[in-house]
N, C-alpha and C. Protein backbone atom coordinates (compact mmCIF):
# COMPACT_ATOMS: atom_id res chain seq x y z
N MET A 1 -1.04 -14.84 25.34
CA MET A 1 -1.86 -13.87 24.65
C MET A 1 -3.17 -13.70 25.42
N SER A 2 -3.58 -12.48 25.62
CA SER A 2 -4.80 -12.23 26.38
C SER A 2 -6.04 -12.39 25.51
N ASP A 3 -7.20 -12.52 26.16
CA ASP A 3 -8.47 -12.64 25.44
C ASP A 3 -8.71 -11.40 24.59
N ALA A 4 -8.42 -10.22 25.15
CA ALA A 4 -8.63 -8.98 24.40
C ALA A 4 -7.76 -8.95 23.15
N SER A 5 -6.55 -9.43 23.26
CA SER A 5 -5.64 -9.47 22.13
C SER A 5 -6.15 -10.43 21.06
N LEU A 6 -6.65 -11.57 21.48
CA LEU A 6 -7.20 -12.54 20.53
C LEU A 6 -8.44 -11.99 19.82
N ARG A 7 -9.31 -11.30 20.57
CA ARG A 7 -10.49 -10.69 19.95
C ARG A 7 -10.08 -9.62 18.95
N HIS A 8 -9.09 -8.82 19.31
CA HIS A 8 -8.59 -7.78 18.40
C HIS A 8 -8.05 -8.42 17.13
N ASP A 9 -7.25 -9.46 17.27
CA ASP A 9 -6.69 -10.15 16.11
C ASP A 9 -7.81 -10.72 15.23
N LEU A 10 -8.82 -11.32 15.84
CA LEU A 10 -9.92 -11.90 15.08
C LEU A 10 -10.65 -10.81 14.28
N ARG A 11 -10.88 -9.66 14.91
CA ARG A 11 -11.52 -8.54 14.20
C ARG A 11 -10.65 -8.07 13.03
N GLU A 12 -9.35 -7.98 13.27
CA GLU A 12 -8.43 -7.55 12.21
C GLU A 12 -8.40 -8.56 11.06
N PHE A 13 -8.38 -9.86 11.38
CA PHE A 13 -8.40 -10.89 10.34
C PHE A 13 -9.70 -10.83 9.54
N ALA A 14 -10.81 -10.59 10.24
CA ALA A 14 -12.10 -10.48 9.55
C ALA A 14 -12.09 -9.32 8.57
N LEU A 15 -11.52 -8.19 8.98
CA LEU A 15 -11.44 -7.03 8.11
C LEU A 15 -10.53 -7.31 6.91
N GLU A 16 -9.41 -7.95 7.16
CA GLU A 16 -8.49 -8.30 6.09
C GLU A 16 -9.15 -9.26 5.09
N LEU A 17 -9.91 -10.23 5.61
CA LEU A 17 -10.61 -11.18 4.75
C LEU A 17 -11.64 -10.46 3.90
N ARG A 18 -12.35 -9.52 4.48
CA ARG A 18 -13.36 -8.76 3.74
C ARG A 18 -12.70 -7.98 2.60
N LYS A 19 -11.58 -7.34 2.90
CA LYS A 19 -10.86 -6.60 1.85
C LYS A 19 -10.42 -7.54 0.73
N LEU A 20 -9.92 -8.70 1.11
CA LEU A 20 -9.50 -9.69 0.12
C LEU A 20 -10.68 -10.17 -0.72
N ALA A 21 -11.83 -10.34 -0.07
CA ALA A 21 -13.02 -10.82 -0.77
C ALA A 21 -13.41 -9.90 -1.91
N TYR A 22 -13.24 -8.59 -1.70
CA TYR A 22 -13.63 -7.64 -2.74
C TYR A 22 -12.68 -7.65 -3.94
N THR A 23 -11.58 -8.38 -3.86
CA THR A 23 -10.68 -8.52 -5.01
C THR A 23 -11.02 -9.76 -5.84
N MET A 24 -11.96 -10.57 -5.36
CA MET A 24 -12.35 -11.80 -6.05
C MET A 24 -13.19 -11.46 -7.30
N PRO A 25 -13.13 -12.34 -8.31
CA PRO A 25 -13.98 -12.13 -9.48
C PRO A 25 -15.46 -12.13 -9.09
N GLY A 26 -16.27 -11.42 -9.83
CA GLY A 26 -17.69 -11.24 -9.54
C GLY A 26 -18.42 -12.47 -9.06
N GLY A 27 -19.11 -12.32 -7.93
CA GLY A 27 -19.95 -13.38 -7.40
C GLY A 27 -19.27 -14.35 -6.46
N HIS A 28 -17.95 -14.39 -6.47
CA HIS A 28 -17.23 -15.36 -5.64
C HIS A 28 -16.87 -14.79 -4.26
N GLU A 29 -17.16 -13.52 -4.05
CA GLU A 29 -16.79 -12.91 -2.78
C GLU A 29 -17.79 -13.19 -1.66
N ASP A 30 -19.02 -13.58 -2.00
CA ASP A 30 -20.06 -13.74 -0.99
C ASP A 30 -19.69 -14.69 0.16
N PRO A 31 -19.15 -15.88 -0.10
CA PRO A 31 -18.80 -16.77 1.01
C PRO A 31 -17.72 -16.16 1.93
N LEU A 32 -16.79 -15.41 1.34
CA LEU A 32 -15.74 -14.79 2.16
C LEU A 32 -16.29 -13.65 2.99
N ILE A 33 -17.19 -12.88 2.43
CA ILE A 33 -17.80 -11.78 3.17
C ILE A 33 -18.63 -12.35 4.32
N SER A 34 -19.36 -13.43 4.04
CA SER A 34 -20.14 -14.08 5.08
C SER A 34 -19.25 -14.56 6.23
N LEU A 35 -18.14 -15.18 5.88
CA LEU A 35 -17.19 -15.65 6.90
C LEU A 35 -16.63 -14.48 7.69
N SER A 36 -16.30 -13.40 7.00
CA SER A 36 -15.78 -12.21 7.66
C SER A 36 -16.79 -11.66 8.68
N GLU A 37 -18.06 -11.62 8.28
CA GLU A 37 -19.10 -11.14 9.19
C GLU A 37 -19.23 -12.05 10.40
N ARG A 38 -19.18 -13.36 10.18
CA ARG A 38 -19.26 -14.31 11.31
C ARG A 38 -18.09 -14.12 12.27
N MET A 39 -16.90 -13.93 11.71
CA MET A 39 -15.72 -13.72 12.55
C MET A 39 -15.87 -12.46 13.40
N GLY A 40 -16.32 -11.39 12.77
CA GLY A 40 -16.51 -10.13 13.48
C GLY A 40 -17.54 -10.24 14.59
N ARG A 41 -18.67 -10.91 14.27
CA ARG A 41 -19.71 -11.10 15.30
C ARG A 41 -19.20 -11.93 16.46
N ARG A 42 -18.44 -12.98 16.15
CA ARG A 42 -17.92 -13.86 17.20
C ARG A 42 -16.97 -13.09 18.12
N ALA A 43 -16.11 -12.28 17.54
CA ALA A 43 -15.19 -11.48 18.35
C ALA A 43 -15.97 -10.53 19.25
N GLN A 44 -17.02 -9.94 18.71
CA GLN A 44 -17.84 -9.01 19.49
C GLN A 44 -18.59 -9.74 20.59
N GLU A 45 -19.15 -10.91 20.28
CA GLU A 45 -19.87 -11.70 21.28
C GLU A 45 -18.94 -12.14 22.40
N GLU A 46 -17.75 -12.57 22.07
CA GLU A 46 -16.79 -12.98 23.09
C GLU A 46 -16.44 -11.82 24.00
N GLY A 47 -16.32 -10.63 23.43
CA GLY A 47 -16.01 -9.45 24.23
C GLY A 47 -17.10 -9.18 25.25
N ARG A 48 -18.35 -9.30 24.82
CA ARG A 48 -19.47 -9.08 25.76
C ARG A 48 -19.50 -10.18 26.81
N PHE A 49 -19.24 -11.44 26.41
CA PHE A 49 -19.26 -12.56 27.34
C PHE A 49 -18.17 -12.40 28.40
N VAL A 50 -16.97 -12.05 27.96
CA VAL A 50 -15.86 -11.89 28.90
C VAL A 50 -16.16 -10.76 29.87
N CYS A 51 -16.69 -9.65 29.37
CA CYS A 51 -17.00 -8.52 30.25
C CYS A 51 -18.06 -8.91 31.28
N SER A 52 -19.08 -9.63 30.85
CA SER A 52 -20.14 -9.99 31.78
C SER A 52 -19.65 -11.00 32.80
N THR A 53 -18.80 -11.95 32.43
CA THR A 53 -18.28 -12.91 33.40
C THR A 53 -17.31 -12.25 34.36
N GLU A 54 -16.57 -11.24 33.89
CA GLU A 54 -15.68 -10.52 34.79
C GLU A 54 -16.48 -9.78 35.84
N ARG A 55 -17.60 -9.18 35.42
CA ARG A 55 -18.44 -8.47 36.39
C ARG A 55 -19.03 -9.44 37.40
N VAL A 56 -19.46 -10.61 36.95
CA VAL A 56 -20.00 -11.62 37.85
C VAL A 56 -18.91 -12.05 38.84
N SER A 57 -17.70 -12.27 38.35
CA SER A 57 -16.60 -12.69 39.23
C SER A 57 -16.28 -11.61 40.25
N GLU A 58 -16.25 -10.36 39.81
CA GLU A 58 -15.98 -9.26 40.74
C GLU A 58 -17.06 -9.19 41.80
N ARG A 59 -18.31 -9.36 41.40
CA ARG A 59 -19.42 -9.30 42.35
C ARG A 59 -19.31 -10.46 43.36
N ALA A 60 -18.95 -11.65 42.89
CA ALA A 60 -18.80 -12.80 43.78
C ALA A 60 -17.70 -12.54 44.79
N LEU A 61 -16.60 -11.93 44.34
CA LEU A 61 -15.51 -11.61 45.29
C LEU A 61 -15.98 -10.59 46.31
N PHE A 62 -16.73 -9.58 45.86
CA PHE A 62 -17.24 -8.56 46.78
C PHE A 62 -18.18 -9.19 47.80
N ASP A 63 -19.10 -10.03 47.30
CA ASP A 63 -20.08 -10.65 48.19
C ASP A 63 -19.40 -11.57 49.21
N SER A 64 -18.35 -12.27 48.82
CA SER A 64 -17.68 -13.17 49.75
C SER A 64 -16.87 -12.41 50.80
N ALA A 65 -16.48 -11.18 50.45
CA ALA A 65 -15.69 -10.37 51.38
C ALA A 65 -16.58 -9.69 52.42
N VAL A 66 -17.84 -9.52 52.10
CA VAL A 66 -18.78 -8.82 53.00
C VAL A 66 -19.26 -9.69 54.09
């Protein structure tokens, strides 16, 4: 499974958890919504990290070839 696929799955799970949270009796959804937000942020952060490390790796390959 690729990193992009794992990030996509994590975002989808976060969304599913959020939807489930809104079916909880009043007041009990907050911890689930919080977890959903953390999952979404983590997936987004990983996406930025992977993209930036890929750019660094590409630049290193270019520099070593020159």
